[in-house]
N, C-alpha and C. Protein backbone atom coordinates (compact mmCIF):
# COMPACT_ATOMS: atom_id res chain seq x y z
N MET A 1 149.99 120.11 -15.03
CA MET A 1 150.30 118.77 -14.53
C MET A 1 149.93 118.66 -13.05
N LYS A 2 149.65 117.41 -12.62
CA LYS A 2 149.26 117.20 -11.24
C LYS A 2 150.49 116.92 -10.40
N ASP A 3 150.44 117.38 -9.16
CA ASP A 3 151.55 117.15 -8.25
C ASP A 3 151.61 115.68 -7.88
N GLU A 4 152.83 115.16 -7.76
CA GLU A 4 153.03 113.78 -7.32
C GLU A 4 153.96 113.78 -6.12
N ASP A 5 153.76 112.78 -5.23
CA ASP A 5 154.65 112.69 -4.09
C ASP A 5 155.92 111.96 -4.51
N LYS A 6 156.80 111.69 -3.56
CA LYS A 6 158.10 111.13 -3.90
C LYS A 6 158.02 109.73 -4.48
N ASP A 7 156.85 109.01 -4.24
CA ASP A 7 156.69 107.67 -4.79
C ASP A 7 155.93 107.69 -6.12
N GLY A 8 155.58 108.88 -6.57
CA GLY A 8 154.88 108.97 -7.83
C GLY A 8 153.37 108.99 -7.70
N ALA A 9 152.82 108.76 -6.47
CA ALA A 9 151.38 108.75 -6.28
C ALA A 9 150.85 110.18 -6.26
N LEU A 10 149.66 110.36 -6.80
CA LEU A 10 149.06 111.69 -6.82
C LEU A 10 148.62 112.08 -5.42
N SER A 11 148.87 113.31 -5.04
CA SER A 11 148.47 113.76 -3.72
C SER A 11 146.97 114.01 -3.71
N ASP A 12 146.29 113.62 -2.58
CA ASP A 12 144.84 113.74 -2.48
C ASP A 12 144.36 115.16 -2.67
N SER A 13 145.15 116.13 -2.20
CA SER A 13 144.71 117.52 -2.25
C SER A 13 144.62 118.04 -3.67
N LYS A 14 145.40 117.45 -4.61
CA LYS A 14 145.40 117.94 -5.98
C LYS A 14 145.11 116.80 -6.96
N ASP A 15 144.45 115.76 -6.49
CA ASP A 15 144.14 114.61 -7.32
C ASP A 15 142.75 114.76 -7.92
N ALA A 16 142.70 115.05 -9.21
CA ALA A 16 141.41 115.24 -9.87
C ALA A 16 140.64 113.93 -10.00
N TRP A 17 141.33 112.80 -9.80
CA TRP A 17 140.67 111.50 -9.94
C TRP A 17 140.01 111.03 -8.64
N ALA A 18 140.25 111.71 -7.54
CA ALA A 18 139.75 111.24 -6.24
C ALA A 18 138.24 111.07 -6.24
N LEU A 19 137.53 112.04 -6.81
CA LEU A 19 136.07 111.96 -6.83
C LEU A 19 135.61 110.76 -7.66
N TRP A 20 136.25 110.56 -8.82
CA TRP A 20 135.83 109.47 -9.70
C TRP A 20 136.11 108.12 -9.07
N ARG A 21 137.21 108.01 -8.32
CA ARG A 21 137.52 106.73 -7.68
C ARG A 21 136.50 106.36 -6.61
N SER A 22 135.82 107.35 -6.06
CA SER A 22 134.83 107.06 -5.02
C SER A 22 133.60 106.38 -5.60
N PHE A 23 133.44 106.38 -6.93
CA PHE A 23 132.27 105.78 -7.56
C PHE A 23 132.58 104.41 -8.19
N THR A 24 133.82 103.96 -8.13
CA THR A 24 134.16 102.71 -8.78
C THR A 24 135.31 102.02 -8.06
N SER A 25 135.34 100.71 -8.20
CA SER A 25 136.46 99.95 -7.64
C SER A 25 137.56 99.75 -8.69
N ALA A 26 137.34 100.31 -9.90
CA ALA A 26 138.35 100.19 -10.95
C ALA A 26 139.60 100.98 -10.56
N ARG A 27 140.75 100.54 -11.08
CA ARG A 27 142.02 101.20 -10.76
C ARG A 27 142.25 102.32 -11.78
N ILE A 28 141.83 103.51 -11.41
CA ILE A 28 141.96 104.65 -12.32
C ILE A 28 142.77 105.76 -11.65
N GLY A 29 143.46 106.57 -12.46
CA GLY A 29 144.23 107.68 -11.92
C GLY A 29 145.25 107.26 -10.89
N LEU A 30 146.06 106.27 -11.21
CA LEU A 30 147.00 105.72 -10.23
C LEU A 30 148.25 106.56 -10.03
N GLY A 31 148.49 107.47 -10.94
CA GLY A 31 149.75 108.22 -10.88
C GLY A 31 150.82 107.50 -11.69
N ARG A 32 152.03 108.04 -11.70
CA ARG A 32 153.09 107.41 -12.47
C ARG A 32 154.47 107.77 -11.92
N VAL A 33 155.40 106.92 -12.21
CA VAL A 33 156.81 107.17 -11.92
C VAL A 33 157.55 106.88 -13.22
N GLY A 34 157.95 107.92 -13.92
CA GLY A 34 158.53 107.72 -15.24
C GLY A 34 157.46 107.19 -16.17
N ASN A 35 157.70 106.02 -16.75
CA ASN A 35 156.70 105.41 -17.63
C ASN A 35 155.98 104.24 -16.97
N ALA A 36 156.05 104.16 -15.64
CA ALA A 36 155.41 103.07 -14.90
C ALA A 36 154.51 103.64 -13.81
N VAL A 37 153.68 102.75 -13.24
CA VAL A 37 152.83 103.16 -12.13
C VAL A 37 153.64 103.15 -10.84
N PRO A 38 153.20 103.84 -9.79
CA PRO A 38 153.92 103.84 -8.52
C PRO A 38 154.11 102.43 -7.96
N THR A 39 155.17 102.23 -7.23
CA THR A 39 155.48 100.90 -6.68
C THR A 39 154.35 100.36 -5.82
N ALA A 40 153.77 101.22 -4.98
CA ALA A 40 152.69 100.76 -4.10
C ALA A 40 151.51 100.24 -4.90
N GLU A 41 151.19 100.91 -6.02
CA GLU A 41 150.07 100.47 -6.85
C GLU A 41 150.39 99.15 -7.54
N ALA A 42 151.63 99.01 -8.02
CA ALA A 42 152.03 97.76 -8.67
C ALA A 42 151.96 96.59 -7.70
N LEU A 43 152.43 96.80 -6.46
CA LEU A 43 152.39 95.75 -5.46
C LEU A 43 150.94 95.43 -5.06
N GLY A 44 150.12 96.48 -4.96
CA GLY A 44 148.72 96.28 -4.61
C GLY A 44 147.99 95.45 -5.67
N PHE A 45 148.29 95.72 -6.94
CA PHE A 45 147.67 94.96 -8.01
C PHE A 45 148.12 93.50 -7.97
N GLY A 46 149.41 93.28 -7.71
CA GLY A 46 149.91 91.91 -7.61
C GLY A 46 149.24 91.13 -6.50
N LEU A 47 149.03 91.80 -5.36
CA LEU A 47 148.36 91.14 -4.23
C LEU A 47 146.91 90.83 -4.58
N ALA A 48 146.21 91.79 -5.17
CA ALA A 48 144.81 91.58 -5.53
C ALA A 48 144.67 90.43 -6.53
N HIS A 49 145.62 90.35 -7.48
CA HIS A 49 145.57 89.28 -8.48
C HIS A 49 145.81 87.92 -7.83
N ALA A 50 146.74 87.86 -6.89
CA ALA A 50 147.01 86.60 -6.20
C ALA A 50 145.80 86.16 -5.37
N LEU A 51 145.16 87.11 -4.69
CA LEU A 51 143.97 86.79 -3.89
C LEU A 51 142.83 86.30 -4.78
N ALA A 52 142.68 86.92 -5.95
CA ALA A 52 141.63 86.50 -6.88
C ALA A 52 141.87 85.08 -7.38
N ARG A 53 143.12 84.77 -7.70
CA ARG A 53 143.46 83.40 -8.14
C ARG A 53 143.17 82.39 -7.04
N ASP A 54 143.53 82.74 -5.81
CA ASP A 54 143.27 81.83 -4.69
C ASP A 54 141.77 81.62 -4.51
N ALA A 55 140.99 82.70 -4.65
CA ALA A 55 139.54 82.60 -4.48
C ALA A 55 138.93 81.69 -5.53
N ILE A 56 139.42 81.78 -6.75
CA ILE A 56 138.89 80.95 -7.84
C ILE A 56 139.23 79.48 -7.64
N HIS A 57 140.42 79.21 -7.19
CA HIS A 57 140.88 77.82 -7.09
C HIS A 57 140.60 77.17 -5.74
N THR A 58 140.12 77.94 -4.76
CA THR A 58 139.79 77.35 -3.45
C THR A 58 138.41 76.70 -3.51
N PRO A 59 138.30 75.41 -3.21
CA PRO A 59 137.00 74.73 -3.27
C PRO A 59 136.02 75.32 -2.26
N LEU A 60 134.77 75.44 -2.66
CA LEU A 60 133.73 75.94 -1.77
C LEU A 60 133.17 74.77 -0.97
N ASP A 61 133.14 74.92 0.35
CA ASP A 61 132.56 73.90 1.22
C ASP A 61 131.06 74.15 1.32
N VAL A 62 130.32 73.57 0.37
CA VAL A 62 128.88 73.82 0.27
C VAL A 62 128.15 73.34 1.53
N ALA A 63 128.51 72.17 2.02
CA ALA A 63 127.83 71.61 3.19
C ALA A 63 127.99 72.51 4.41
N ALA A 64 129.22 73.03 4.61
CA ALA A 64 129.46 73.90 5.77
C ALA A 64 128.70 75.21 5.62
N LEU A 65 128.66 75.77 4.41
CA LEU A 65 127.94 77.01 4.18
C LEU A 65 126.45 76.82 4.41
N ALA A 66 125.89 75.73 3.89
CA ALA A 66 124.47 75.46 4.08
C ALA A 66 124.13 75.26 5.55
N SER A 67 125.02 74.57 6.26
CA SER A 67 124.80 74.33 7.68
C SER A 67 124.79 75.64 8.47
N GLU A 68 125.71 76.53 8.12
CA GLU A 68 125.79 77.82 8.81
C GLU A 68 124.54 78.66 8.54
N LEU A 69 124.06 78.66 7.31
CA LEU A 69 122.86 79.42 6.96
C LEU A 69 121.63 78.84 7.68
N ASN A 70 121.52 77.52 7.69
CA ASN A 70 120.39 76.88 8.37
C ASN A 70 120.38 77.18 9.86
N ALA A 71 121.57 77.26 10.45
CA ALA A 71 121.68 77.56 11.88
C ALA A 71 121.19 78.96 12.20
N GLN A 72 121.19 79.84 11.19
CA GLN A 72 120.73 81.21 11.37
C GLN A 72 119.31 81.39 10.85
N ASP A 73 118.58 80.26 10.70
CA ASP A 73 117.19 80.27 10.22
C ASP A 73 117.05 80.80 8.81
N TRP A 74 118.08 80.55 7.97
CA TRP A 74 118.01 80.86 6.55
C TRP A 74 118.08 79.53 5.81
N PRO A 75 116.92 78.94 5.48
CA PRO A 75 116.93 77.64 4.80
C PRO A 75 117.76 77.69 3.52
N ALA A 76 118.67 76.75 3.37
CA ALA A 76 119.56 76.74 2.21
C ALA A 76 119.33 75.48 1.38
N LEU A 77 119.22 75.66 0.09
CA LEU A 77 119.03 74.55 -0.82
C LEU A 77 120.15 74.60 -1.87
N PRO A 78 121.19 73.77 -1.75
CA PRO A 78 122.28 73.80 -2.72
C PRO A 78 121.80 73.41 -4.12
N VAL A 79 122.22 74.17 -5.11
CA VAL A 79 121.92 73.86 -6.51
C VAL A 79 123.21 73.96 -7.31
N LYS A 80 123.17 73.46 -8.53
CA LYS A 80 124.37 73.43 -9.38
C LYS A 80 124.16 74.33 -10.60
N SER A 81 125.27 74.77 -11.15
CA SER A 81 125.22 75.49 -12.41
C SER A 81 125.44 74.49 -13.55
N ARG A 82 125.48 74.98 -14.77
CA ARG A 82 125.69 74.10 -15.91
C ARG A 82 127.18 73.82 -16.17
N ALA A 83 128.03 74.41 -15.33
CA ALA A 83 129.46 74.10 -15.41
C ALA A 83 129.73 72.94 -14.46
N PRO A 84 130.03 71.76 -14.99
CA PRO A 84 130.17 70.58 -14.13
C PRO A 84 131.40 70.59 -13.23
N ASP A 85 132.42 71.37 -13.59
CA ASP A 85 133.62 71.41 -12.77
C ASP A 85 134.30 72.76 -12.93
N ARG A 86 135.34 72.99 -12.12
CA ARG A 86 136.01 74.29 -12.09
C ARG A 86 136.71 74.59 -13.42
N GLU A 87 137.30 73.59 -14.02
CA GLU A 87 138.00 73.81 -15.28
C GLU A 87 137.04 74.30 -16.37
N THR A 88 135.86 73.68 -16.41
CA THR A 88 134.85 74.11 -17.39
C THR A 88 134.42 75.54 -17.12
N TYR A 89 134.24 75.86 -15.84
CA TYR A 89 133.81 77.22 -15.48
C TYR A 89 134.84 78.26 -15.91
N LEU A 90 136.12 77.96 -15.73
CA LEU A 90 137.16 78.91 -16.10
C LEU A 90 137.21 79.12 -17.61
N ARG A 91 136.89 78.08 -18.36
CA ARG A 91 136.86 78.22 -19.82
C ARG A 91 135.53 78.79 -20.33
N ARG A 92 134.44 78.45 -19.61
CA ARG A 92 133.10 78.90 -20.02
C ARG A 92 132.38 79.50 -18.81
N PRO A 93 132.77 80.71 -18.39
CA PRO A 93 132.10 81.31 -17.22
C PRO A 93 130.62 81.55 -17.42
N ASP A 94 130.16 81.62 -18.68
CA ASP A 94 128.73 81.81 -18.93
C ASP A 94 127.92 80.63 -18.43
N LEU A 95 128.50 79.41 -18.45
CA LEU A 95 127.79 78.25 -17.93
C LEU A 95 127.62 78.33 -16.42
N GLY A 96 128.54 79.02 -15.76
CA GLY A 96 128.43 79.19 -14.32
C GLY A 96 127.30 80.11 -13.90
N ARG A 97 126.74 80.85 -14.87
CA ARG A 97 125.62 81.75 -14.58
C ARG A 97 124.27 81.15 -14.96
N ARG A 98 124.30 79.88 -15.40
CA ARG A 98 123.07 79.21 -15.81
C ARG A 98 122.77 78.05 -14.87
N LEU A 99 121.52 77.95 -14.47
CA LEU A 99 121.12 76.92 -13.52
C LEU A 99 121.03 75.57 -14.20
N ASP A 100 121.50 74.54 -13.50
CA ASP A 100 121.39 73.18 -13.99
C ASP A 100 119.92 72.85 -14.28
N ALA A 101 119.68 72.15 -15.40
CA ALA A 101 118.31 71.88 -15.83
C ALA A 101 117.51 71.12 -14.77
N ASP A 102 118.11 70.10 -14.16
CA ASP A 102 117.40 69.31 -13.14
C ASP A 102 117.08 70.17 -11.92
N ASP A 103 118.02 71.02 -11.52
CA ASP A 103 117.77 71.89 -10.36
C ASP A 103 116.70 72.92 -10.67
N ARG A 104 116.63 73.38 -11.92
CA ARG A 104 115.59 74.33 -12.29
C ARG A 104 114.21 73.69 -12.13
N VAL A 105 114.08 72.45 -12.59
CA VAL A 105 112.81 71.74 -12.44
C VAL A 105 112.46 71.57 -10.97
N ARG A 106 113.48 71.24 -10.17
CA ARG A 106 113.26 71.05 -8.73
C ARG A 106 112.80 72.34 -8.06
N LEU A 107 113.41 73.46 -8.42
CA LEU A 107 113.02 74.74 -7.83
C LEU A 107 111.64 75.18 -8.29
N ASP A 108 111.32 74.92 -9.56
CA ASP A 108 110.00 75.29 -10.06
C ASP A 108 108.89 74.58 -9.30
N GLY A 109 109.19 73.38 -8.81
CA GLY A 109 108.18 72.65 -8.05
C GLY A 109 108.12 73.04 -6.59
N MET A 110 108.95 73.97 -6.19
CA MET A 110 108.99 74.38 -4.78
C MET A 110 108.79 75.88 -4.62
N ARG A 111 108.09 76.49 -5.55
CA ARG A 111 107.85 77.93 -5.46
C ARG A 111 107.08 78.26 -4.19
N GLY A 112 107.45 79.37 -3.58
CA GLY A 112 106.76 79.80 -2.38
C GLY A 112 105.36 80.30 -2.68
N GLU A 113 104.46 80.12 -1.74
CA GLU A 113 103.09 80.61 -1.86
C GLU A 113 102.93 81.74 -0.86
N GLY A 114 102.23 82.79 -1.26
CA GLY A 114 102.13 83.96 -0.39
C GLY A 114 100.72 84.42 -0.15
N CYS A 115 100.59 85.35 0.77
CA CYS A 115 99.32 85.98 1.06
C CYS A 115 99.58 87.34 1.68
N ASP A 116 98.63 88.21 1.56
CA ASP A 116 98.69 89.52 2.20
C ASP A 116 97.77 89.52 3.41
N LEU A 117 98.22 90.21 4.44
CA LEU A 117 97.48 90.23 5.70
C LEU A 117 97.43 91.66 6.21
N ALA A 118 96.23 92.16 6.51
CA ALA A 118 96.08 93.52 7.06
C ALA A 118 95.42 93.40 8.43
N VAL A 119 96.08 93.98 9.45
CA VAL A 119 95.53 93.93 10.81
C VAL A 119 95.49 95.34 11.40
N VAL A 120 94.54 95.54 12.29
CA VAL A 120 94.41 96.81 13.00
C VAL A 120 94.97 96.60 14.41
N ILE A 121 95.94 97.44 14.76
CA ILE A 121 96.58 97.34 16.06
C ILE A 121 96.64 98.71 16.71
N ASP A 122 96.95 98.73 17.99
CA ASP A 122 97.10 99.98 18.72
C ASP A 122 98.28 100.77 18.18
N GLU A 123 98.12 102.09 18.13
CA GLU A 123 99.17 102.96 17.62
C GLU A 123 100.49 102.78 18.37
N ALA A 124 100.40 102.40 19.64
CA ALA A 124 101.60 102.28 20.47
C ALA A 124 102.42 101.03 20.15
N VAL A 125 101.86 100.09 19.41
CA VAL A 125 102.58 98.86 19.10
C VAL A 125 103.58 99.14 17.98
N PRO A 126 104.88 98.98 18.24
CA PRO A 126 105.89 99.25 17.19
C PRO A 126 105.83 98.21 16.09
N ALA A 127 106.24 98.62 14.91
CA ALA A 127 106.22 97.72 13.75
C ALA A 127 107.08 96.49 13.98
N GLN A 128 108.23 96.68 14.62
CA GLN A 128 109.14 95.55 14.84
C GLN A 128 108.52 94.50 15.73
N ALA A 129 107.72 94.93 16.73
CA ALA A 129 107.05 93.97 17.60
C ALA A 129 106.05 93.14 16.81
N LEU A 130 105.36 93.78 15.87
CA LEU A 130 104.41 93.06 15.02
C LEU A 130 105.14 92.05 14.13
N ILE A 131 106.24 92.49 13.52
CA ILE A 131 107.01 91.60 12.64
C ILE A 131 107.56 90.41 13.42
N ASP A 132 108.08 90.66 14.62
CA ASP A 132 108.63 89.57 15.44
C ASP A 132 107.54 88.57 15.81
N ALA A 133 106.35 89.07 16.12
CA ALA A 133 105.25 88.18 16.50
C ALA A 133 104.81 87.32 15.31
N VAL A 134 104.80 87.92 14.13
CA VAL A 134 104.43 87.16 12.92
C VAL A 134 105.44 86.06 12.66
N ARG A 135 106.72 86.38 12.73
CA ARG A 135 107.75 85.38 12.47
C ARG A 135 107.67 84.22 13.46
N GLN A 136 107.45 84.54 14.72
CA GLN A 136 107.40 83.50 15.73
C GLN A 136 106.18 82.59 15.52
N ALA A 137 105.05 83.18 15.17
CA ALA A 137 103.83 82.39 14.99
C ALA A 137 103.87 81.58 13.70
N ALA A 138 104.46 82.15 12.66
CA ALA A 138 104.48 81.48 11.36
C ALA A 138 105.40 80.27 11.35
N GLY A 139 106.49 80.36 12.10
CA GLY A 139 107.42 79.25 12.15
C GLY A 139 108.39 79.24 10.99
N PRO A 140 109.17 78.15 10.84
CA PRO A 140 110.23 78.09 9.84
C PRO A 140 109.73 78.09 8.39
N GLY A 141 108.44 77.85 8.18
CA GLY A 141 107.91 77.84 6.82
C GLY A 141 107.80 79.22 6.21
N LEU A 142 107.95 80.27 7.02
CA LEU A 142 107.89 81.64 6.51
C LEU A 142 109.24 82.00 5.90
N SER A 143 109.29 82.15 4.58
CA SER A 143 110.58 82.43 3.93
C SER A 143 110.80 83.91 3.67
N ALA A 144 109.72 84.71 3.66
CA ALA A 144 109.87 86.15 3.43
C ALA A 144 108.71 86.89 4.08
N LEU A 145 109.02 88.07 4.57
CA LEU A 145 108.01 88.90 5.22
C LEU A 145 108.34 90.36 4.99
N ARG A 146 107.35 91.12 4.55
CA ARG A 146 107.59 92.55 4.37
C ARG A 146 106.36 93.34 4.79
N LEU A 147 106.61 94.48 5.40
CA LEU A 147 105.56 95.43 5.77
C LEU A 147 105.46 96.44 4.64
N PHE A 148 104.31 96.50 3.95
CA PHE A 148 104.25 97.36 2.77
C PHE A 148 103.24 98.50 2.87
N ASP A 149 102.51 98.59 3.98
CA ASP A 149 101.58 99.72 4.09
C ASP A 149 101.17 99.92 5.55
N VAL A 150 101.07 101.19 5.93
CA VAL A 150 100.53 101.57 7.24
C VAL A 150 99.50 102.66 7.00
N TYR A 151 98.28 102.43 7.48
CA TYR A 151 97.18 103.38 7.23
C TYR A 151 96.63 103.88 8.55
N ARG A 152 96.42 105.18 8.61
CA ARG A 152 95.76 105.82 9.75
C ARG A 152 94.70 106.77 9.20
N GLY A 153 93.53 106.73 9.78
CA GLY A 153 92.53 107.68 9.29
C GLY A 153 91.13 107.12 9.32
N GLN A 154 90.34 107.57 8.36
CA GLN A 154 88.91 107.27 8.33
C GLN A 154 88.66 105.77 8.33
N GLY A 155 87.70 105.37 9.15
CA GLY A 155 87.34 103.96 9.24
C GLY A 155 88.01 103.22 10.36
N LEU A 156 89.01 103.85 11.00
CA LEU A 156 89.70 103.22 12.11
C LEU A 156 89.40 103.98 13.40
N ARG A 157 89.37 103.24 14.50
CA ARG A 157 89.14 103.91 15.77
C ARG A 157 90.34 104.77 16.13
N GLU A 158 90.11 105.78 16.91
CA GLU A 158 91.18 106.69 17.31
C GLU A 158 92.26 105.93 18.09
N GLY A 159 93.49 106.24 17.79
CA GLY A 159 94.62 105.61 18.48
C GLY A 159 95.00 104.26 17.91
N SER A 160 94.49 103.96 16.71
CA SER A 160 94.83 102.68 16.09
C SER A 160 95.38 102.91 14.68
N LYS A 161 95.96 101.88 14.12
CA LYS A 161 96.51 101.94 12.76
C LYS A 161 96.32 100.60 12.08
N SER A 162 96.27 100.62 10.77
CA SER A 162 96.16 99.39 10.00
C SER A 162 97.52 99.11 9.35
N VAL A 163 98.01 97.91 9.54
CA VAL A 163 99.30 97.53 9.00
C VAL A 163 99.10 96.36 8.03
N ALA A 164 99.65 96.50 6.82
CA ALA A 164 99.54 95.46 5.81
C ALA A 164 100.87 94.74 5.66
N LEU A 165 100.82 93.42 5.66
CA LEU A 165 102.02 92.60 5.59
C LEU A 165 101.92 91.62 4.42
N GLY A 166 103.04 91.38 3.77
CA GLY A 166 103.12 90.36 2.74
C GLY A 166 103.91 89.18 3.26
N LEU A 167 103.33 87.97 3.21
CA LEU A 167 103.97 86.78 3.74
C LEU A 167 104.19 85.78 2.61
N ILE A 168 105.38 85.19 2.57
CA ILE A 168 105.68 84.13 1.62
C ILE A 168 106.06 82.88 2.41
N PHE A 169 105.35 81.77 2.13
CA PHE A 169 105.63 80.51 2.80
C PHE A 169 106.27 79.55 1.80
N GLN A 170 107.24 78.77 2.28
CA GLN A 170 107.93 77.85 1.39
C GLN A 170 108.44 76.65 2.18
N ASP A 171 108.32 75.50 1.54
CA ASP A 171 108.83 74.26 2.13
C ASP A 171 109.71 73.61 1.07
N TYR A 172 111.00 73.43 1.38
CA TYR A 172 111.93 72.91 0.40
C TYR A 172 111.73 71.42 0.13
N SER A 173 110.92 70.75 0.93
CA SER A 173 110.73 69.32 0.74
C SER A 173 109.49 68.98 -0.08
N ARG A 174 108.57 69.97 -0.25
CA ARG A 174 107.35 69.69 -0.99
C ARG A 174 106.69 70.98 -1.43
N THR A 175 105.68 70.85 -2.27
CA THR A 175 104.91 72.02 -2.70
C THR A 175 103.78 72.27 -1.71
N LEU A 176 103.66 73.49 -1.23
CA LEU A 176 102.63 73.83 -0.26
C LEU A 176 101.26 73.90 -0.93
N THR A 177 100.24 73.52 -0.19
CA THR A 177 98.87 73.58 -0.68
C THR A 177 98.16 74.80 -0.11
N VAL A 178 96.98 75.09 -0.64
CA VAL A 178 96.17 76.20 -0.13
C VAL A 178 95.85 75.97 1.34
N GLU A 179 95.61 74.71 1.69
CA GLU A 179 95.29 74.40 3.08
C GLU A 179 96.48 74.70 4.00
N ASP A 180 97.69 74.44 3.52
CA ASP A 180 98.89 74.75 4.30
C ASP A 180 98.98 76.26 4.57
N ILE A 181 98.74 77.06 3.54
CA ILE A 181 98.83 78.51 3.68
C ILE A 181 97.74 79.02 4.61
N ASP A 182 96.55 78.50 4.47
CA ASP A 182 95.43 78.93 5.33
C ASP A 182 95.72 78.61 6.79
N ALA A 183 96.28 77.43 7.04
CA ALA A 183 96.58 77.03 8.42
C ALA A 183 97.66 77.92 9.02
N ALA A 184 98.69 78.24 8.23
CA ALA A 184 99.76 79.11 8.72
C ALA A 184 99.24 80.52 8.98
N THR A 185 98.39 81.02 8.09
CA THR A 185 97.81 82.36 8.27
C THR A 185 96.93 82.40 9.51
N ALA A 186 96.20 81.34 9.74
CA ALA A 186 95.33 81.28 10.92
C ALA A 186 96.16 81.31 12.20
N ARG A 187 97.30 80.62 12.20
CA ARG A 187 98.18 80.65 13.37
C ARG A 187 98.68 82.08 13.63
N VAL A 188 99.02 82.77 12.56
CA VAL A 188 99.54 84.13 12.70
C VAL A 188 98.48 85.07 13.25
N THR A 189 97.30 85.06 12.66
CA THR A 189 96.24 85.98 13.10
C THR A 189 95.82 85.68 14.54
N SER A 190 95.80 84.40 14.90
CA SER A 190 95.43 84.03 16.27
C SER A 190 96.46 84.55 17.27
N ALA A 191 97.75 84.39 16.92
CA ALA A 191 98.81 84.85 17.81
C ALA A 191 98.82 86.37 17.93
N LEU A 192 98.57 87.08 16.83
CA LEU A 192 98.55 88.54 16.88
C LEU A 192 97.40 89.05 17.72
N ALA A 193 96.25 88.39 17.63
CA ALA A 193 95.09 88.79 18.44
C ALA A 193 95.36 88.55 19.92
N ARG A 194 95.97 87.41 20.22
CA ARG A 194 96.25 87.06 21.62
C ARG A 194 97.33 87.93 22.23
N ASP A 195 98.42 88.16 21.50
CA ASP A 195 99.58 88.83 22.08
C ASP A 195 99.58 90.35 21.91
N LEU A 196 98.97 90.84 20.82
CA LEU A 196 99.02 92.28 20.54
C LEU A 196 97.65 92.92 20.43
N GLY A 197 96.59 92.14 20.62
CA GLY A 197 95.24 92.69 20.50
C GLY A 197 94.89 93.11 19.08
N ALA A 198 95.56 92.49 18.10
CA ALA A 198 95.31 92.82 16.71
C ALA A 198 94.00 92.24 16.21
N VAL A 199 93.35 93.00 15.31
CA VAL A 199 92.09 92.58 14.71
C VAL A 199 92.29 92.53 13.21
N LEU A 200 91.86 91.44 12.59
CA LEU A 200 91.99 91.30 11.14
C LEU A 200 91.12 92.34 10.45
N ARG A 201 91.74 93.10 9.56
CA ARG A 201 90.99 94.13 8.84
C ARG A 201 90.33 93.52 7.62
N GLU A 202 89.06 93.71 7.50
CA GLU A 202 88.30 93.16 6.37
C GLU A 202 88.50 94.03 5.13
């Protein structure tokens, strides 16, 4: 049997469940006092249940959340699920995981358009400086940016490196055209050449 402290909780030094609890948030190996769980665990469960109920029944201020995200340069587009109200969601949580049909059509018409860009820059230029320069030149239409390759070696001048970037552009008010993407890419390459001496790799 495992040692228990005076409140019935298993002591950490001899608790065989400690390792397993580190891999899950489930309430396992709580210990016991007679035929019940320790008082601290019972109270903790009651508190967690009350907080969960409050979270479910507290209305979400969508406008405030969207405003906060937009202020941090994260464009937010509110959409609805197929659960029209909270009562329906509580009875049919599966509807809360499905996108409203009209919003799905709206999102399909606003898919982001992307391009890959490879530039040769001086070895001394840090990756973060390159990323910051791309974001500033691309403007708010850049919805995603990732650095996916760095090459050094044959074909490049000594002391230089080739950096490949993936850019996704998106406008929530309309569908972007090829001309829009080309113009944004041109702004980026021009700014990188001017500010970092970058050369577009063919």
